[in-house]
Amino acid sequence: MTQPTLRTRRLTLVPLTDEHLELETELDSDPEVMRYLTGRALTRAEVERAHHRRRAAAHKVSGLGFWVGFAEDGFVGWWILQPPHGPDQPDIAGEADLGYRLLRRRWRCGYASEGAKELIRYGFTDLGLNRIFAQTMAVNTASRATMAAAGLSFVRAFISAGTYDDPVPGAEQGEVEYDITRATWQQRHDATPSPQTPSLTD
């Protein structure tokens, strides 16, 4: 299946296309946005290479990929649900890596967890995934709070097996992984009371 457009109360998440490159450039050129990723703003050439990698992620497993998020007043950021990749993510069928990156002016508005919750719902109900996980630097407290707000729980702390020519400050403290399984998500979903229909006497 191809990536669908997803909607939440405040967000419309559309599959990443080439027309979104300028938005990615705006996002990745902010050094604060990239603080725990590269430690610096990306150049235009680096953003273009990243864009092509992001587009390619949508072709590895049907239905997975990147989504660009918009609120009523414009661009918010992007979200990803992609196959496991890299030295710290074993390639296990039925699992996916969750991520998000938002404009600085969109921080602390609840958008990150709102979009993440929708991708989790989509991953379990539409794609039949078994487990969704997210990873970040241990010192990235804001991203860890978003993971928890989206329903993920701490799994492990680890030192990345990857090598970096220019390590990001704080990388020496390692990384963390959070996750949620379909069984846990379903159990919580079933336990959530559905809205009651008002009676004629209410």
N, C-alpha and C. Protein backbone atom coordinates (compact mmCIF):
# COMPACT_ATOMS: atom_id res chain seq x y z
N MET A 1 0.83 -1.18 0.00
CA MET A 1 0.00 0.00 0.00
C MET A 1 0.88 1.25 0.00
N THR A 2 0.39 2.32 -0.60
CA THR A 2 1.11 3.58 -0.59
C THR A 2 0.80 4.33 0.69
N GLN A 3 1.64 5.28 1.03
CA GLN A 3 1.41 6.09 2.22
C GLN A 3 0.14 6.92 2.06
N PRO A 4 -0.75 6.86 3.01
CA PRO A 4 -1.95 7.69 2.95
C PRO A 4 -1.71 9.05 3.60
N THR A 5 -2.57 9.99 3.32
CA THR A 5 -2.61 11.23 4.08
C THR A 5 -3.31 10.93 5.41
N LEU A 6 -2.72 11.40 6.51
CA LEU A 6 -3.26 11.14 7.84
C LEU A 6 -3.69 12.46 8.47
N ARG A 7 -4.69 12.40 9.33
CA ARG A 7 -5.20 13.62 9.96
C ARG A 7 -5.42 13.43 11.45
N THR A 8 -5.11 14.45 12.20
CA THR A 8 -5.40 14.50 13.62
C THR A 8 -6.28 15.71 13.86
N ARG A 9 -6.51 16.03 15.12
CA ARG A 9 -7.36 17.18 15.42
C ARG A 9 -6.79 18.47 14.84
N ARG A 10 -5.45 18.61 14.86
CA ARG A 10 -4.85 19.86 14.42
C ARG A 10 -3.92 19.73 13.22
N LEU A 11 -3.58 18.51 12.84
CA LEU A 11 -2.55 18.29 11.83
C LEU A 11 -3.07 17.53 10.62
N THR A 12 -2.51 17.86 9.47
CA THR A 12 -2.66 17.05 8.27
C THR A 12 -1.26 16.57 7.90
N LEU A 13 -1.08 15.26 7.85
CA LEU A 13 0.22 14.66 7.54
C LEU A 13 0.17 14.08 6.14
N VAL A 14 0.98 14.64 5.25
CA VAL A 14 0.98 14.22 3.85
C VAL A 14 2.31 13.55 3.53
N PRO A 15 2.32 12.54 2.68
CA PRO A 15 3.57 11.87 2.32
C PRO A 15 4.57 12.85 1.72
N LEU A 16 5.82 12.69 2.09
CA LEU A 16 6.90 13.54 1.59
C LEU A 16 7.06 13.42 0.08
N THR A 17 7.16 14.57 -0.60
CA THR A 17 7.42 14.60 -2.04
C THR A 17 8.52 15.62 -2.31
N ASP A 18 8.94 15.72 -3.57
CA ASP A 18 9.99 16.66 -3.93
C ASP A 18 9.57 18.11 -3.71
N GLU A 19 8.29 18.37 -3.72
CA GLU A 19 7.84 19.75 -3.52
C GLU A 19 8.05 20.24 -2.09
N HIS A 20 8.41 19.35 -1.19
CA HIS A 20 8.62 19.73 0.21
C HIS A 20 10.08 20.04 0.52
N LEU A 21 10.95 20.01 -0.46
CA LEU A 21 12.38 20.20 -0.21
C LEU A 21 12.67 21.54 0.47
N GLU A 22 12.02 22.62 0.04
CA GLU A 22 12.29 23.92 0.64
C GLU A 22 11.89 23.95 2.12
N LEU A 23 10.84 23.23 2.48
CA LEU A 23 10.44 23.16 3.88
C LEU A 23 11.48 22.39 4.69
N GLU A 24 12.01 21.33 4.13
CA GLU A 24 13.07 20.58 4.80
C GLU A 24 14.31 21.45 5.00
N THR A 25 14.61 22.28 3.99
CA THR A 25 15.75 23.18 4.08
C THR A 25 15.56 24.19 5.21
N GLU A 26 14.37 24.74 5.32
CA GLU A 26 14.07 25.67 6.42
C GLU A 26 14.26 24.99 7.77
N LEU A 27 13.79 23.78 7.88
CA LEU A 27 13.85 23.04 9.14
C LEU A 27 15.29 22.70 9.52
N ASP A 28 16.03 22.13 8.59
CA ASP A 28 17.36 21.62 8.88
C ASP A 28 18.43 22.71 8.94
N SER A 29 18.08 23.93 8.56
CA SER A 29 19.05 25.03 8.61
C SER A 29 19.07 25.72 9.97
N ASP A 30 18.24 25.27 10.90
CA ASP A 30 18.21 25.82 12.24
C ASP A 30 19.12 24.98 13.14
N PRO A 31 20.22 25.55 13.63
CA PRO A 31 21.14 24.75 14.45
C PRO A 31 20.51 24.21 15.73
N GLU A 32 19.50 24.90 16.28
CA GLU A 32 18.85 24.40 17.48
C GLU A 32 18.02 23.15 17.18
N VAL A 33 17.38 23.12 16.02
CA VAL A 33 16.62 21.94 15.60
C VAL A 33 17.56 20.75 15.44
N MET A 34 18.77 21.02 14.95
CA MET A 34 19.72 19.95 14.66
C MET A 34 20.69 19.68 15.81
N ARG A 35 20.46 20.29 16.94
CA ARG A 35 21.40 20.23 18.06
C ARG A 35 21.77 18.82 18.46
N TYR A 36 20.79 17.92 18.56
CA TYR A 36 21.05 16.55 19.00
C TYR A 36 21.16 15.56 17.84
N LEU A 37 21.28 16.09 16.64
CA LEU A 37 21.37 15.24 15.46
C LEU A 37 22.74 15.38 14.78
N THR A 38 23.09 16.62 14.44
CA THR A 38 24.38 16.87 13.82
C THR A 38 25.19 17.89 14.61
N GLY A 39 24.52 18.60 15.54
CA GLY A 39 25.20 19.63 16.30
C GLY A 39 25.38 20.93 15.56
N ARG A 40 24.83 21.03 14.36
CA ARG A 40 24.97 22.23 13.53
C ARG A 40 23.90 22.23 12.46
N ALA A 41 23.72 23.38 11.83
CA ALA A 41 22.81 23.47 10.69
C ALA A 41 23.36 22.68 9.51
N LEU A 42 22.46 22.14 8.69
CA LEU A 42 22.89 21.45 7.48
C LEU A 42 23.01 22.41 6.32
N THR A 43 23.92 22.12 5.42
CA THR A 43 24.04 22.89 4.19
C THR A 43 22.93 22.48 3.22
N ARG A 44 22.72 23.28 2.20
CA ARG A 44 21.71 22.95 1.20
C ARG A 44 22.00 21.60 0.57
N ALA A 45 23.26 21.33 0.25
CA ALA A 45 23.62 20.05 -0.38
C ALA A 45 23.32 18.89 0.56
N GLU A 46 23.58 19.07 1.85
CA GLU A 46 23.30 18.01 2.82
C GLU A 46 21.80 17.76 2.95
N VAL A 47 21.01 18.82 2.91
CA VAL A 47 19.56 18.65 2.98
C VAL A 47 19.06 17.90 1.76
N GLU A 48 19.59 18.22 0.59
CA GLU A 48 19.16 17.53 -0.63
C GLU A 48 19.50 16.05 -0.56
N ARG A 49 20.67 15.71 -0.03
CA ARG A 49 21.02 14.29 0.11
C ARG A 49 20.11 13.61 1.12
N ALA A 50 19.81 14.31 2.22
CA ALA A 50 18.90 13.74 3.22
C ALA A 50 17.51 13.55 2.63
N HIS A 51 17.07 14.50 1.80
CA HIS A 51 15.75 14.40 1.17
C HIS A 51 15.66 13.13 0.32
N HIS A 52 16.69 12.85 -0.43
CA HIS A 52 16.65 11.65 -1.28
C HIS A 52 16.64 10.38 -0.44
N ARG A 53 17.36 10.38 0.69
CA ARG A 53 17.32 9.21 1.59
C ARG A 53 15.93 9.04 2.19
N ARG A 54 15.30 10.16 2.54
CA ARG A 54 13.95 10.10 3.11
C ARG A 54 12.95 9.58 2.10
N ARG A 55 13.06 10.02 0.87
CA ARG A 55 12.16 9.55 -0.18
C ARG A 55 12.36 8.05 -0.42
N ALA A 56 13.61 7.61 -0.35
CA ALA A 56 13.91 6.19 -0.59
C ALA A 56 13.33 5.31 0.51
N ALA A 57 13.22 5.85 1.73
CA ALA A 57 12.69 5.06 2.85
C ALA A 57 11.27 4.60 2.58
N ALA A 58 10.54 5.36 1.77
CA ALA A 58 9.14 5.02 1.47
C ALA A 58 9.03 3.84 0.52
N HIS A 59 10.13 3.43 -0.07
CA HIS A 59 10.08 2.34 -1.04
C HIS A 59 10.57 1.01 -0.48
N LYS A 60 11.09 1.03 0.76
CA LYS A 60 11.63 -0.20 1.33
C LYS A 60 10.54 -1.12 1.83
N VAL A 61 9.57 -0.57 2.57
CA VAL A 61 8.44 -1.35 3.09
C VAL A 61 7.17 -0.59 2.76
N SER A 62 6.24 -1.27 2.14
CA SER A 62 4.99 -0.63 1.72
C SER A 62 4.27 0.02 2.89
N GLY A 63 3.88 1.29 2.69
CA GLY A 63 3.11 2.01 3.70
C GLY A 63 3.94 2.82 4.67
N LEU A 64 5.25 2.55 4.74
CA LEU A 64 6.11 3.30 5.64
C LEU A 64 6.78 4.46 4.90
N GLY A 65 7.29 5.43 5.66
CA GLY A 65 7.97 6.55 5.03
C GLY A 65 7.90 7.80 5.88
N PHE A 66 8.08 8.95 5.22
CA PHE A 66 8.05 10.25 5.88
C PHE A 66 6.74 10.97 5.56
N TRP A 67 6.28 11.74 6.54
CA TRP A 67 5.10 12.59 6.36
C TRP A 67 5.46 14.02 6.73
N VAL A 68 4.96 14.98 5.97
CA VAL A 68 5.14 16.39 6.27
C VAL A 68 3.86 16.90 6.91
N GLY A 69 3.99 17.59 8.05
CA GLY A 69 2.82 17.99 8.81
C GLY A 69 2.49 19.46 8.68
N PHE A 70 1.20 19.74 8.51
CA PHE A 70 0.71 21.11 8.38
C PHE A 70 -0.42 21.34 9.37
N ALA A 71 -0.39 22.49 10.04
CA ALA A 71 -1.52 22.97 10.83
C ALA A 71 -2.29 23.97 9.97
N GLU A 72 -3.33 24.55 10.51
CA GLU A 72 -4.12 25.51 9.74
C GLU A 72 -3.28 26.68 9.26
N ASP A 73 -2.27 27.05 10.06
CA ASP A 73 -1.44 28.21 9.71
C ASP A 73 -0.12 27.83 9.07
N GLY A 74 0.01 26.61 8.56
CA GLY A 74 1.19 26.28 7.78
C GLY A 74 2.03 25.13 8.30
N PHE A 75 3.25 25.09 7.80
CA PHE A 75 4.18 24.00 8.03
C PHE A 75 4.55 23.88 9.50
N VAL A 76 4.59 22.63 9.99
CA VAL A 76 4.95 22.35 11.38
C VAL A 76 6.27 21.58 11.45
N GLY A 77 6.42 20.53 10.65
CA GLY A 77 7.61 19.70 10.68
C GLY A 77 7.36 18.41 9.94
N TRP A 78 8.19 17.40 10.20
CA TRP A 78 7.93 16.11 9.58
C TRP A 78 7.96 15.00 10.63
N TRP A 79 7.32 13.89 10.27
CA TRP A 79 7.26 12.67 11.09
C TRP A 79 7.68 11.50 10.22
N ILE A 80 8.20 10.48 10.85
CA ILE A 80 8.63 9.31 10.09
C ILE A 80 8.25 8.03 10.81
N LEU A 81 7.87 7.05 10.03
CA LEU A 81 7.70 5.68 10.47
C LEU A 81 8.38 4.86 9.41
N GLN A 82 9.61 4.40 9.70
CA GLN A 82 10.42 3.74 8.69
C GLN A 82 10.93 2.40 9.18
N PRO A 83 11.36 1.54 8.25
CA PRO A 83 11.91 0.25 8.67
C PRO A 83 13.14 0.45 9.53
N PRO A 84 13.44 -0.49 10.43
CA PRO A 84 14.67 -0.39 11.22
C PRO A 84 15.88 -0.25 10.30
N HIS A 85 16.87 0.53 10.74
CA HIS A 85 18.04 0.77 9.91
C HIS A 85 19.22 1.11 10.81
N GLY A 86 20.40 0.92 10.32
CA GLY A 86 21.59 1.30 11.06
C GLY A 86 22.06 0.25 12.03
N PRO A 87 23.23 0.49 12.63
CA PRO A 87 23.86 -0.53 13.49
C PRO A 87 23.13 -0.79 14.80
N ASP A 88 22.27 0.14 15.23
CA ASP A 88 21.58 -0.01 16.51
C ASP A 88 20.14 -0.46 16.36
N GLN A 89 19.74 -0.82 15.15
CA GLN A 89 18.36 -1.20 14.89
C GLN A 89 18.32 -2.49 14.06
N PRO A 90 18.24 -3.63 14.68
CA PRO A 90 18.16 -4.89 13.93
C PRO A 90 16.96 -4.86 12.98
N ASP A 91 17.17 -5.36 11.78
CA ASP A 91 16.12 -5.35 10.75
C ASP A 91 15.15 -6.50 11.02
N ILE A 92 14.13 -6.21 11.81
CA ILE A 92 13.15 -7.22 12.21
C ILE A 92 11.82 -6.90 11.55
N ALA A 93 11.25 -7.88 10.85
CA ALA A 93 9.96 -7.69 10.20
C ALA A 93 8.89 -7.36 11.24
N GLY A 94 7.99 -6.45 10.89
CA GLY A 94 6.92 -6.09 11.81
C GLY A 94 7.29 -5.00 12.79
N GLU A 95 8.50 -4.43 12.66
CA GLU A 95 8.91 -3.35 13.53
C GLU A 95 9.18 -2.09 12.70
N ALA A 96 9.09 -0.93 13.34
CA ALA A 96 9.34 0.33 12.64
C ALA A 96 9.89 1.36 13.61
N ASP A 97 10.68 2.26 13.06
CA ASP A 97 11.33 3.33 13.81
C ASP A 97 10.51 4.61 13.66
N LEU A 98 10.14 5.21 14.78
CA LEU A 98 9.35 6.43 14.81
C LEU A 98 10.26 7.63 15.04
N GLY A 99 10.00 8.73 14.31
CA GLY A 99 10.79 9.94 14.52
C GLY A 99 9.99 11.17 14.16
N TYR A 100 10.53 12.34 14.50
CA TYR A 100 9.84 13.61 14.25
C TYR A 100 10.88 14.73 14.32
N ARG A 101 10.62 15.81 13.61
CA ARG A 101 11.47 16.98 13.63
C ARG A 101 10.59 18.19 13.35
N LEU A 102 10.55 19.14 14.26
CA LEU A 102 9.64 20.28 14.15
C LEU A 102 10.38 21.61 14.13
N LEU A 103 9.79 22.59 13.46
CA LEU A 103 10.30 23.95 13.51
C LEU A 103 10.37 24.41 14.97
N ARG A 104 11.37 25.23 15.28
CA ARG A 104 11.54 25.66 16.66
C ARG A 104 10.31 26.41 17.18
N ARG A 105 9.68 27.21 16.34
CA ARG A 105 8.52 27.96 16.80
C ARG A 105 7.30 27.07 17.06
N ARG A 106 7.38 25.79 16.65
CA ARG A 106 6.30 24.84 16.90
C ARG A 106 6.54 23.97 18.13
N TRP A 107 7.67 24.16 18.79
CA TRP A 107 7.97 23.37 19.98
C TRP A 107 7.01 23.73 21.12
N ARG A 108 6.82 22.77 22.00
CA ARG A 108 6.03 22.94 23.23
C ARG A 108 4.57 23.29 22.94
N CYS A 109 4.08 22.83 21.81
CA CYS A 109 2.66 23.03 21.47
C CYS A 109 1.90 21.72 21.43
N GLY A 110 2.59 20.60 21.69
CA GLY A 110 1.94 19.29 21.65
C GLY A 110 1.85 18.67 20.28
N TYR A 111 2.41 19.34 19.27
CA TYR A 111 2.31 18.80 17.91
C TYR A 111 3.10 17.51 17.73
N ALA A 112 4.30 17.44 18.32
CA ALA A 112 5.15 16.26 18.10
C ALA A 112 4.47 14.98 18.56
N SER A 113 3.93 15.00 19.78
CA SER A 113 3.27 13.79 20.29
C SER A 113 1.95 13.54 19.58
N GLU A 114 1.27 14.59 19.15
CA GLU A 114 0.00 14.41 18.43
C GLU A 114 0.22 13.67 17.11
N GLY A 115 1.24 14.10 16.36
CA GLY A 115 1.56 13.40 15.11
C GLY A 115 2.09 12.01 15.36
N ALA A 116 2.91 11.85 16.41
CA ALA A 116 3.46 10.53 16.72
C ALA A 116 2.37 9.54 17.08
N LYS A 117 1.39 9.98 17.87
CA LYS A 117 0.28 9.09 18.24
C LYS A 117 -0.48 8.61 17.01
N GLU A 118 -0.65 9.50 16.03
CA GLU A 118 -1.37 9.11 14.82
C GLU A 118 -0.58 8.09 14.01
N LEU A 119 0.73 8.26 13.93
CA LEU A 119 1.54 7.28 13.21
C LEU A 119 1.55 5.94 13.94
N ILE A 120 1.55 5.97 15.26
CA ILE A 120 1.47 4.72 16.02
C ILE A 120 0.15 4.02 15.74
N ARG A 121 -0.94 4.76 15.77
CA ARG A 121 -2.26 4.18 15.46
C ARG A 121 -2.25 3.57 14.06
N TYR A 122 -1.76 4.34 13.11
CA TYR A 122 -1.69 3.88 11.73
C TYR A 122 -0.82 2.62 11.60
N GLY A 123 0.33 2.62 12.26
CA GLY A 123 1.24 1.49 12.17
C GLY A 123 0.63 0.20 12.68
N PHE A 124 -0.10 0.29 13.78
CA PHE A 124 -0.69 -0.91 14.36
C PHE A 124 -2.00 -1.33 13.68
N THR A 125 -2.86 -0.37 13.38
CA THR A 125 -4.18 -0.74 12.84
C THR A 125 -4.18 -0.94 11.34
N ASP A 126 -3.43 -0.14 10.61
CA ASP A 126 -3.44 -0.23 9.14
C ASP A 126 -2.35 -1.14 8.59
N LEU A 127 -1.17 -1.11 9.23
CA LEU A 127 -0.05 -1.90 8.72
C LEU A 127 0.16 -3.20 9.47
N GLY A 128 -0.47 -3.35 10.63
CA GLY A 128 -0.31 -4.58 11.40
C GLY A 128 1.07 -4.76 12.00
N LEU A 129 1.76 -3.65 12.30
CA LEU A 129 3.08 -3.76 12.92
C LEU A 129 2.96 -4.39 14.31
N ASN A 130 4.04 -4.99 14.76
CA ASN A 130 4.07 -5.61 16.08
C ASN A 130 4.71 -4.71 17.13
N ARG A 131 5.64 -3.87 16.69
CA ARG A 131 6.39 -3.03 17.64
C ARG A 131 6.85 -1.76 16.94
N ILE A 132 6.73 -0.65 17.65
CA ILE A 132 7.22 0.64 17.17
C ILE A 132 8.17 1.19 18.22
N PHE A 133 9.34 1.64 17.81
CA PHE A 133 10.33 2.14 18.75
C PHE A 133 10.86 3.49 18.28
N ALA A 134 11.52 4.19 19.19
CA ALA A 134 12.15 5.47 18.87
C ALA A 134 13.44 5.57 19.66
N GLN A 135 14.43 6.23 19.08
CA GLN A 135 15.72 6.38 19.72
C GLN A 135 16.15 7.84 19.69
N THR A 136 16.90 8.25 20.71
CA THR A 136 17.44 9.60 20.75
C THR A 136 18.63 9.62 21.69
N MET A 137 19.37 10.73 21.70
CA MET A 137 20.46 10.89 22.64
C MET A 137 19.90 10.95 24.06
N ALA A 138 20.62 10.37 25.00
CA ALA A 138 20.15 10.34 26.39
C ALA A 138 19.92 11.74 26.94
N VAL A 139 20.69 12.72 26.48
CA VAL A 139 20.57 14.09 27.00
C VAL A 139 19.42 14.87 26.36
N ASN A 140 18.77 14.30 25.35
CA ASN A 140 17.69 15.01 24.66
C ASN A 140 16.38 14.81 25.44
N THR A 141 16.24 15.56 26.52
CA THR A 141 15.09 15.38 27.41
C THR A 141 13.78 15.75 26.74
N ALA A 142 13.79 16.72 25.83
CA ALA A 142 12.54 17.12 25.16
C ALA A 142 12.01 16.00 24.29
N SER A 143 12.89 15.35 23.52
CA SER A 143 12.45 14.25 22.67
C SER A 143 12.00 13.06 23.51
N ARG A 144 12.69 12.81 24.61
CA ARG A 144 12.28 11.71 25.49
C ARG A 144 10.91 11.97 26.10
N ALA A 145 10.63 13.23 26.42
CA ALA A 145 9.30 13.57 26.95
C ALA A 145 8.22 13.36 25.90
N THR A 146 8.54 13.66 24.64
CA THR A 146 7.58 13.44 23.56
C THR A 146 7.30 11.96 23.39
N MET A 147 8.33 11.13 23.45
CA MET A 147 8.14 9.68 23.34
C MET A 147 7.20 9.18 24.42
N ALA A 148 7.43 9.63 25.64
CA ALA A 148 6.58 9.21 26.75
C ALA A 148 5.15 9.71 26.57
N ALA A 149 5.00 10.95 26.10
CA ALA A 149 3.67 11.51 25.88
C ALA A 149 2.92 10.77 24.78
N ALA A 150 3.65 10.20 23.83
CA ALA A 150 3.03 9.45 22.75
C ALA A 150 2.69 8.02 23.16
N GLY A 151 3.10 7.61 24.36
CA GLY A 151 2.74 6.29 24.86
C GLY A 151 3.87 5.28 24.87
N LEU A 152 5.08 5.69 24.44
CA LEU A 152 6.20 4.78 24.44
C LEU A 152 6.84 4.71 25.82
N SER A 153 7.46 3.59 26.13
CA SER A 153 8.10 3.38 27.42
C SER A 153 9.60 3.11 27.23
N PHE A 154 10.38 3.51 28.22
CA PHE A 154 11.82 3.31 28.18
C PHE A 154 12.16 1.82 28.10
N VAL A 155 13.08 1.48 27.18
CA VAL A 155 13.52 0.10 27.00
C VAL A 155 14.96 -0.09 27.44
N ARG A 156 15.84 0.78 26.97
CA ARG A 156 17.26 0.57 27.25
C ARG A 156 18.05 1.85 27.01
N ALA A 157 19.22 1.90 27.65
CA ALA A 157 20.24 2.89 27.35
C ALA A 157 21.40 2.16 26.69
N PHE A 158 22.04 2.79 25.72
CA PHE A 158 23.11 2.10 25.01
C PHE A 158 24.09 3.10 24.41
N ILE A 159 25.26 2.61 24.08
CA ILE A 159 26.25 3.40 23.35
C ILE A 159 26.15 3.00 21.89
N SER A 160 25.95 3.98 21.02
CA SER A 160 25.73 3.68 19.62
C SER A 160 26.93 2.96 19.01
N ALA A 161 26.62 1.97 18.16
CA ALA A 161 27.66 1.24 17.45
C ALA A 161 28.17 2.02 16.25
N GLY A 162 27.50 3.11 15.90
CA GLY A 162 27.93 3.92 14.77
C GLY A 162 29.16 4.74 15.12
N THR A 163 29.86 5.17 14.10
CA THR A 163 31.05 6.01 14.30
C THR A 163 30.79 7.37 13.69
N TYR A 164 31.34 8.41 14.31
CA TYR A 164 31.09 9.78 13.86
C TYR A 164 32.41 10.53 13.76
N ASP A 165 32.60 11.23 12.66
CA ASP A 165 33.82 12.03 12.49
C ASP A 165 33.81 13.23 13.43
N ASP A 166 32.63 13.78 13.68
CA ASP A 166 32.49 14.97 14.52
C ASP A 166 31.36 14.73 15.52
N PRO A 167 31.64 14.05 16.64
CA PRO A 167 30.58 13.69 17.58
C PRO A 167 29.80 14.90 18.09
N VAL A 168 28.51 14.74 18.27
CA VAL A 168 27.65 15.79 18.79
C VAL A 168 27.88 15.88 20.30
N PRO A 169 28.02 17.10 20.85
CA PRO A 169 28.17 17.22 22.30
C PRO A 169 27.04 16.51 23.05
N GLY A 170 27.41 15.71 24.02
CA GLY A 170 26.43 14.92 24.76
C GLY A 170 26.37 13.47 24.31
N ALA A 171 26.94 13.18 23.13
CA ALA A 171 26.90 11.81 22.61
C ALA A 171 27.63 10.83 23.51
N GLU A 172 28.60 11.36 24.28
CA GLU A 172 29.36 10.47 25.17
C GLU A 172 28.50 9.89 26.28
N GLN A 173 27.32 10.47 26.50
CA GLN A 173 26.40 9.94 27.51
C GLN A 173 25.48 8.87 26.95
N GLY A 174 25.65 8.56 25.68
CA GLY A 174 24.91 7.45 25.09
C GLY A 174 23.53 7.82 24.57
N GLU A 175 22.80 6.79 24.18
CA GLU A 175 21.47 6.97 23.60
C GLU A 175 20.46 6.12 24.38
N VAL A 176 19.20 6.37 24.08
CA VAL A 176 18.13 5.62 24.73
C VAL A 176 17.12 5.16 23.68
N GLU A 177 16.42 4.10 24.03
CA GLU A 177 15.37 3.57 23.16
C GLU A 177 14.08 3.42 23.96
N TYR A 178 12.98 3.85 23.35
CA TYR A 178 11.64 3.70 23.92
C TYR A 178 10.83 2.87 22.92
N ASP A 179 9.79 2.18 23.39
CA ASP A 179 8.98 1.43 22.44
C ASP A 179 7.56 1.23 22.95
N ILE A 180 6.72 0.72 22.06
CA ILE A 180 5.37 0.28 22.40
C ILE A 180 5.04 -0.88 21.47
N THR A 181 4.40 -1.90 22.01
CA THR A 181 3.98 -3.04 21.20
C THR A 181 2.51 -2.90 20.83
N ARG A 182 2.12 -3.64 19.82
CA ARG A 182 0.71 -3.58 19.40
C ARG A 182 -0.21 -4.08 20.52
N ALA A 183 0.24 -5.10 21.26
CA ALA A 183 -0.59 -5.63 22.35
C ALA A 183 -0.80 -4.56 23.42
N THR A 184 0.25 -3.84 23.77
CA THR A 184 0.13 -2.79 24.78
C THR A 184 -0.76 -1.67 24.28
N TRP A 185 -0.55 -1.25 23.03
CA TRP A 185 -1.37 -0.18 22.46
C TRP A 185 -2.84 -0.60 22.43
N GLN A 186 -3.11 -1.83 22.01
CA GLN A 186 -4.49 -2.29 21.92
C GLN A 186 -5.14 -2.36 23.29
N GLN A 187 -4.38 -2.81 24.27
CA GLN A 187 -4.90 -2.90 25.64
C GLN A 187 -5.29 -1.51 26.15
N ARG A 188 -4.45 -0.53 25.91
CA ARG A 188 -4.76 0.84 26.34
C ARG A 188 -5.94 1.39 25.56
N HIS A 189 -5.97 1.10 24.26
CA HIS A 189 -7.06 1.58 23.42
C HIS A 189 -8.39 1.01 23.87
N ASP A 190 -8.40 -0.29 24.18
CA ASP A 190 -9.65 -0.94 24.62
C ASP A 190 -10.10 -0.42 25.98
N ALA A 191 -9.13 0.02 26.80
CA ALA A 191 -9.47 0.49 28.14
C ALA A 191 -9.96 1.93 28.16
N THR A 192 -9.78 2.63 27.03
CA THR A 192 -10.22 4.02 26.96
C THR A 192 -11.72 4.07 26.72
N PRO A 193 -12.47 4.68 27.62
CA PRO A 193 -13.93 4.72 27.42
C PRO A 193 -14.31 5.54 26.20
N SER A 194 -15.28 5.05 25.47
CA SER A 194 -15.75 5.78 24.30
C SER A 194 -16.69 6.90 24.74
N PRO A 195 -16.75 7.99 23.95
CA PRO A 195 -17.65 9.10 24.32
C PRO A 195 -19.09 8.61 24.46
N GLN A 196 -19.77 9.07 25.49
CA GLN A 196 -21.14 8.66 25.73
C GLN A 196 -22.10 9.54 24.94
N THR A 197 -23.10 8.93 24.37
CA THR A 197 -24.13 9.70 23.68
C THR A 197 -25.06 10.34 24.69
N PRO A 198 -25.22 11.66 24.67
CA PRO A 198 -26.08 12.32 25.65
C PRO A 198 -27.52 11.79 25.58
N SER A 199 -28.12 11.65 26.74
CA SER A 199 -29.52 11.22 26.76
C SER A 199 -30.43 12.44 26.61
N LEU A 200 -31.70 12.20 26.40
CA LEU A 200 -32.63 13.29 26.19
C LEU A 200 -32.80 14.12 27.44
N THR A 201 -32.43 13.56 28.60
CA THR A 201 -32.60 14.30 29.86
C THR A 201 -31.36 15.09 30.25
N ASP A 202 -30.24 14.90 29.51
CA ASP A 202 -29.00 15.60 29.86
C ASP A 202 -29.09 17.09 29.48
